[in-house]
């Protein structure tokens, strides 16, 4: 599992559970707690995840009002669209950029 795929799964789990500790996520994904903490910091830049680093009860909280729509591209889908994008120009390139901006998990104009 790539880091991008792991972060996507963490986000989906948080949408279901609303709260999870870094220790539990590390165990579930077979990575270190430090890796999960880094993932949560990155995710919190894009989503309203509240991260606390308390010894007991710390972790990630997702507000009840936030619901992830199941309209995200998988990392493989995003890679394919990025490859196809190189053959586009003008209005077609703008349309592709808008698709990536709306549906990719992490995307910036490249």
N, C-alpha and C. Protein backbone atom coordinates (compact mmCIF):
# COMPACT_ATOMS: atom_id res chain seq x y z
N UNK A 1 0.86 -1.18 0.00
CA UNK A 1 0.00 0.00 0.00
C UNK A 1 0.90 1.24 0.00
N UNK A 2 0.61 2.14 -0.91
CA UNK A 2 1.39 3.37 -0.98
C UNK A 2 0.93 4.34 0.11
N UNK A 3 1.75 5.36 0.43
CA UNK A 3 1.32 6.35 1.42
C UNK A 3 0.01 7.03 1.02
N UNK A 4 -0.17 7.32 -0.25
CA UNK A 4 -1.40 7.96 -0.71
C UNK A 4 -2.61 7.05 -0.49
N UNK A 5 -2.45 5.77 -0.79
CA UNK A 5 -3.55 4.82 -0.57
C UNK A 5 -3.86 4.68 0.92
N UNK A 6 -2.80 4.66 1.74
CA UNK A 6 -3.00 4.55 3.19
C UNK A 6 -3.76 5.78 3.71
N UNK A 7 -3.38 6.95 3.27
CA UNK A 7 -4.07 8.18 3.72
C UNK A 7 -5.53 8.18 3.28
N UNK A 8 -5.77 7.71 2.09
CA UNK A 8 -7.14 7.61 1.60
C UNK A 8 -7.95 6.68 2.49
N UNK A 9 -7.37 5.55 2.85
CA UNK A 9 -8.06 4.60 3.74
C UNK A 9 -8.25 5.17 5.14
N UNK A 10 -7.26 5.89 5.64
CA UNK A 10 -7.40 6.53 6.96
C UNK A 10 -8.57 7.49 6.93
N UNK A 11 -8.67 8.28 5.88
CA UNK A 11 -9.77 9.24 5.76
C UNK A 11 -11.12 8.51 5.72
N UNK A 12 -11.20 7.44 4.97
CA UNK A 12 -12.45 6.68 4.90
C UNK A 12 -12.81 6.09 6.27
N UNK A 13 -11.80 5.57 6.98
CA UNK A 13 -12.06 5.02 8.32
C UNK A 13 -12.54 6.10 9.28
N UNK A 14 -11.92 7.28 9.21
CA UNK A 14 -12.34 8.37 10.09
C UNK A 14 -13.77 8.81 9.78
N UNK A 15 -14.15 8.75 8.52
CA UNK A 15 -15.53 9.10 8.17
C UNK A 15 -16.52 8.12 8.79
N UNK A 16 -16.11 6.88 8.92
CA UNK A 16 -16.98 5.87 9.54
C UNK A 16 -16.94 5.94 11.06
N UNK A 17 -15.74 6.06 11.62
CA UNK A 17 -15.57 5.97 13.08
C UNK A 17 -15.63 7.32 13.78
N UNK A 18 -15.32 8.41 13.09
CA UNK A 18 -15.30 9.78 13.60
C UNK A 18 -14.13 10.06 14.54
N UNK A 19 -13.57 9.06 15.20
CA UNK A 19 -12.41 9.25 16.08
C UNK A 19 -11.58 7.98 16.06
N UNK A 20 -10.28 8.17 16.05
CA UNK A 20 -9.39 7.01 16.14
C UNK A 20 -8.04 7.47 16.68
N UNK A 21 -7.39 6.59 17.43
CA UNK A 21 -6.07 6.92 17.97
C UNK A 21 -5.00 6.57 16.95
N UNK A 22 -3.87 7.25 17.06
CA UNK A 22 -2.75 6.97 16.17
C UNK A 22 -2.23 5.56 16.40
N UNK A 23 -2.24 5.11 17.63
CA UNK A 23 -1.74 3.77 17.95
C UNK A 23 -2.60 2.71 17.26
N UNK A 24 -3.92 2.85 17.33
CA UNK A 24 -4.81 1.88 16.67
C UNK A 24 -4.62 1.88 15.15
N UNK A 25 -4.49 3.07 14.58
CA UNK A 25 -4.29 3.16 13.13
C UNK A 25 -2.95 2.54 12.73
N UNK A 26 -1.92 2.79 13.52
CA UNK A 26 -0.60 2.22 13.22
C UNK A 26 -0.66 0.70 13.22
N UNK A 27 -1.35 0.15 14.21
CA UNK A 27 -1.50 -1.31 14.29
C UNK A 27 -2.29 -1.83 13.10
N UNK A 28 -3.37 -1.14 12.78
CA UNK A 28 -4.23 -1.58 11.68
C UNK A 28 -3.53 -1.57 10.32
N UNK A 29 -2.66 -0.56 10.12
CA UNK A 29 -1.98 -0.43 8.83
C UNK A 29 -0.57 -1.01 8.82
N UNK A 30 -0.11 -1.48 9.96
CA UNK A 30 1.21 -2.10 10.01
C UNK A 30 2.36 -1.13 9.80
N UNK A 31 2.18 0.10 10.29
CA UNK A 31 3.23 1.12 10.19
C UNK A 31 3.47 1.70 11.58
N UNK A 32 4.45 2.58 11.69
CA UNK A 32 4.76 3.17 12.99
C UNK A 32 3.74 4.26 13.35
N UNK A 33 3.67 4.55 14.63
CA UNK A 33 2.81 5.64 15.09
C UNK A 33 3.26 6.96 14.49
N UNK A 34 4.56 7.15 14.33
CA UNK A 34 5.11 8.37 13.73
C UNK A 34 4.59 8.53 12.29
N UNK A 35 4.56 7.44 11.54
CA UNK A 35 4.05 7.48 10.17
C UNK A 35 2.59 7.92 10.15
N UNK A 36 1.79 7.37 11.05
CA UNK A 36 0.38 7.74 11.14
C UNK A 36 0.25 9.20 11.53
N UNK A 37 1.05 9.66 12.46
CA UNK A 37 1.00 11.08 12.86
C UNK A 37 1.30 11.97 11.66
N UNK A 38 2.31 11.60 10.88
CA UNK A 38 2.63 12.38 9.68
C UNK A 38 1.47 12.36 8.68
N UNK A 39 0.86 11.19 8.51
CA UNK A 39 -0.30 11.08 7.62
C UNK A 39 -1.43 11.99 8.10
N UNK A 40 -1.68 12.00 9.39
CA UNK A 40 -2.77 12.82 9.94
C UNK A 40 -2.49 14.31 9.76
N UNK A 41 -1.24 14.71 9.89
CA UNK A 41 -0.88 16.11 9.67
C UNK A 41 -1.16 16.49 8.22
N UNK A 42 -0.76 15.62 7.30
CA UNK A 42 -1.01 15.89 5.87
C UNK A 42 -2.51 15.94 5.58
N UNK A 43 -3.25 14.97 6.08
CA UNK A 43 -4.70 14.95 5.86
C UNK A 43 -5.38 16.18 6.45
N UNK A 44 -4.89 16.65 7.59
CA UNK A 44 -5.52 17.80 8.24
C UNK A 44 -5.32 19.09 7.45
N UNK A 45 -4.39 19.08 6.50
CA UNK A 45 -4.22 20.24 5.61
C UNK A 45 -5.32 20.31 4.56
N UNK A 46 -5.96 19.20 4.28
CA UNK A 46 -6.97 19.12 3.23
C UNK A 46 -8.39 18.91 3.75
N UNK A 47 -8.51 18.38 4.95
CA UNK A 47 -9.81 18.01 5.51
C UNK A 47 -9.91 18.52 6.94
N UNK A 48 -11.13 18.71 7.46
CA UNK A 48 -11.30 19.28 8.81
C UNK A 48 -11.04 18.26 9.92
N UNK A 49 -9.88 17.65 9.89
CA UNK A 49 -9.51 16.67 10.90
C UNK A 49 -8.85 17.40 12.06
N UNK A 50 -9.36 17.15 13.25
CA UNK A 50 -8.78 17.74 14.46
C UNK A 50 -7.84 16.70 15.05
N UNK A 51 -6.56 17.07 15.16
CA UNK A 51 -5.55 16.14 15.64
C UNK A 51 -5.08 16.58 17.02
N UNK A 52 -5.06 15.64 17.96
CA UNK A 52 -4.53 15.91 19.30
C UNK A 52 -3.46 14.87 19.59
N UNK A 53 -2.44 15.29 20.31
CA UNK A 53 -1.32 14.38 20.59
C UNK A 53 -1.21 14.06 22.07
N UNK A 54 -2.33 13.87 22.73
CA UNK A 54 -2.32 13.48 24.14
C UNK A 54 -1.86 12.04 24.27
N UNK A 55 -1.29 11.71 25.42
CA UNK A 55 -0.81 10.34 25.63
C UNK A 55 -1.97 9.35 25.62
N UNK A 56 -3.07 9.69 26.27
CA UNK A 56 -4.23 8.80 26.33
C UNK A 56 -5.42 9.51 25.71
N UNK A 57 -6.05 8.89 24.75
CA UNK A 57 -7.22 9.48 24.12
C UNK A 57 -6.91 10.42 22.98
N UNK A 58 -5.64 10.64 22.68
CA UNK A 58 -5.27 11.50 21.57
C UNK A 58 -5.48 10.79 20.25
N UNK A 59 -5.41 11.54 19.19
CA UNK A 59 -5.58 10.94 17.87
C UNK A 59 -6.27 11.91 16.95
N UNK A 60 -7.12 11.38 16.10
CA UNK A 60 -7.79 12.20 15.10
C UNK A 60 -9.29 12.17 15.31
N UNK A 61 -9.90 13.34 15.20
CA UNK A 61 -11.35 13.49 15.33
C UNK A 61 -11.86 14.15 14.05
N UNK A 62 -12.94 13.65 13.53
CA UNK A 62 -13.58 14.25 12.37
C UNK A 62 -14.93 14.79 12.80
N UNK A 63 -15.21 16.08 12.55
CA UNK A 63 -16.48 16.66 12.98
C UNK A 63 -17.68 15.93 12.38
N UNK A 64 -18.75 15.89 13.12
CA UNK A 64 -19.96 15.18 12.68
C UNK A 64 -20.54 15.75 11.38
N UNK A 65 -20.33 17.04 11.15
CA UNK A 65 -20.92 17.66 9.96
C UNK A 65 -20.20 17.26 8.68
N UNK A 66 -18.97 16.75 8.78
CA UNK A 66 -18.20 16.43 7.57
C UNK A 66 -18.49 15.00 7.12
N UNK A 67 -18.83 14.86 5.84
CA UNK A 67 -19.05 13.55 5.25
C UNK A 67 -18.34 13.50 3.91
N UNK A 68 -17.51 12.52 3.75
CA UNK A 68 -16.77 12.35 2.52
C UNK A 68 -17.67 11.72 1.48
N UNK A 69 -17.76 12.37 0.35
CA UNK A 69 -18.54 11.79 -0.74
C UNK A 69 -17.70 10.70 -1.40
N UNK A 70 -18.32 9.69 -1.86
CA UNK A 70 -17.61 8.59 -2.51
C UNK A 70 -17.30 8.92 -3.96
N UNK A 71 -16.78 10.09 -4.17
CA UNK A 71 -16.44 10.51 -5.52
C UNK A 71 -14.97 10.90 -5.60
N UNK A 72 -14.12 10.14 -4.97
CA UNK A 72 -12.70 10.41 -5.01
C UNK A 72 -12.03 9.47 -6.00
N UNK A 73 -11.04 9.98 -6.70
CA UNK A 73 -10.26 9.13 -7.58
C UNK A 73 -9.31 8.27 -6.75
N UNK A 74 -9.10 7.06 -7.19
CA UNK A 74 -8.07 6.24 -6.56
C UNK A 74 -6.72 6.75 -7.06
N UNK A 75 -5.64 6.44 -6.35
CA UNK A 75 -4.32 6.88 -6.83
C UNK A 75 -4.02 6.41 -8.26
N UNK A 76 -4.42 5.19 -8.61
CA UNK A 76 -4.18 4.69 -9.97
C UNK A 76 -4.97 5.48 -11.01
N UNK A 77 -6.20 5.85 -10.67
CA UNK A 77 -7.01 6.66 -11.58
C UNK A 77 -6.38 8.03 -11.78
N UNK A 78 -5.89 8.61 -10.69
CA UNK A 78 -5.26 9.93 -10.79
C UNK A 78 -4.00 9.87 -11.65
N UNK A 79 -3.19 8.83 -11.48
CA UNK A 79 -1.97 8.68 -12.27
C UNK A 79 -2.31 8.58 -13.76
N UNK A 80 -3.34 7.80 -14.09
CA UNK A 80 -3.75 7.66 -15.49
C UNK A 80 -4.19 9.01 -16.06
N UNK A 81 -4.99 9.75 -15.31
CA UNK A 81 -5.44 11.06 -15.80
C UNK A 81 -4.28 12.03 -15.95
N UNK A 82 -3.30 11.95 -15.05
CA UNK A 82 -2.12 12.82 -15.18
C UNK A 82 -1.36 12.49 -16.46
N UNK A 83 -1.25 11.20 -16.79
CA UNK A 83 -0.57 10.80 -18.03
C UNK A 83 -1.34 11.29 -19.26
N UNK A 84 -2.66 11.13 -19.24
CA UNK A 84 -3.49 11.58 -20.36
C UNK A 84 -3.45 13.10 -20.52
N UNK A 85 -3.28 13.78 -19.42
CA UNK A 85 -3.28 15.25 -19.42
C UNK A 85 -2.15 15.82 -20.28
N UNK A 86 -1.05 15.10 -20.39
CA UNK A 86 0.09 15.62 -21.17
C UNK A 86 -0.23 15.76 -22.65
N UNK A 87 -1.24 15.05 -23.13
CA UNK A 87 -1.63 15.13 -24.55
C UNK A 87 -2.67 16.22 -24.81
N UNK A 88 -3.09 16.91 -23.77
CA UNK A 88 -4.17 17.90 -23.90
C UNK A 88 -3.61 19.31 -23.93
N UNK A 89 -4.41 20.22 -24.49
CA UNK A 89 -4.09 21.65 -24.40
C UNK A 89 -5.39 22.45 -24.46
N UNK A 90 -5.27 23.72 -24.23
CA UNK A 90 -6.42 24.60 -24.31
C UNK A 90 -7.56 24.24 -23.37
N UNK A 91 -8.76 24.25 -23.93
CA UNK A 91 -9.96 24.00 -23.12
C UNK A 91 -9.98 22.58 -22.56
N UNK A 92 -9.49 21.61 -23.33
CA UNK A 92 -9.46 20.23 -22.84
C UNK A 92 -8.56 20.10 -21.60
N UNK A 93 -7.44 20.81 -21.61
CA UNK A 93 -6.54 20.80 -20.45
C UNK A 93 -7.22 21.44 -19.24
N UNK A 94 -7.95 22.52 -19.46
CA UNK A 94 -8.68 23.16 -18.37
C UNK A 94 -9.73 22.23 -17.78
N UNK A 95 -10.43 21.50 -18.64
CA UNK A 95 -11.43 20.54 -18.16
C UNK A 95 -10.77 19.44 -17.34
N UNK A 96 -9.65 18.90 -17.84
CA UNK A 96 -8.94 17.85 -17.10
C UNK A 96 -8.46 18.38 -15.75
N UNK A 97 -7.93 19.59 -15.72
CA UNK A 97 -7.49 20.19 -14.45
C UNK A 97 -8.66 20.33 -13.48
N UNK A 98 -9.83 20.69 -13.99
CA UNK A 98 -10.99 20.84 -13.10
C UNK A 98 -11.44 19.48 -12.56
N UNK A 99 -11.34 18.43 -13.38
CA UNK A 99 -11.68 17.08 -12.91
C UNK A 99 -10.73 16.66 -11.80
N UNK A 100 -9.44 16.86 -12.02
CA UNK A 100 -8.45 16.49 -11.01
C UNK A 100 -8.62 17.31 -9.73
N UNK A 101 -8.89 18.61 -9.89
CA UNK A 101 -9.07 19.46 -8.71
C UNK A 101 -10.28 19.03 -7.88
N UNK A 102 -11.32 18.57 -8.54
CA UNK A 102 -12.54 18.20 -7.83
C UNK A 102 -12.51 16.80 -7.25
N UNK A 103 -11.85 15.87 -7.92
CA UNK A 103 -11.98 14.47 -7.52
C UNK A 103 -10.71 13.80 -7.00
N UNK A 104 -9.55 14.40 -7.18
CA UNK A 104 -8.31 13.78 -6.68
C UNK A 104 -8.16 14.08 -5.20
N UNK A 105 -7.60 13.12 -4.45
CA UNK A 105 -7.44 13.28 -3.01
C UNK A 105 -6.51 14.44 -2.70
N UNK A 106 -5.35 14.49 -3.32
CA UNK A 106 -4.40 15.59 -3.16
C UNK A 106 -4.04 16.03 -4.56
N UNK A 107 -4.33 17.26 -4.88
CA UNK A 107 -3.99 17.69 -6.22
C UNK A 107 -3.73 19.17 -6.23
N UNK A 108 -2.68 19.54 -6.93
CA UNK A 108 -2.36 20.94 -7.17
C UNK A 108 -2.11 21.07 -8.66
N UNK A 109 -2.28 22.27 -9.19
CA UNK A 109 -1.97 22.46 -10.61
C UNK A 109 -0.50 22.16 -10.81
N UNK A 110 -0.22 21.23 -11.70
CA UNK A 110 1.18 20.82 -11.95
C UNK A 110 1.55 21.18 -13.36
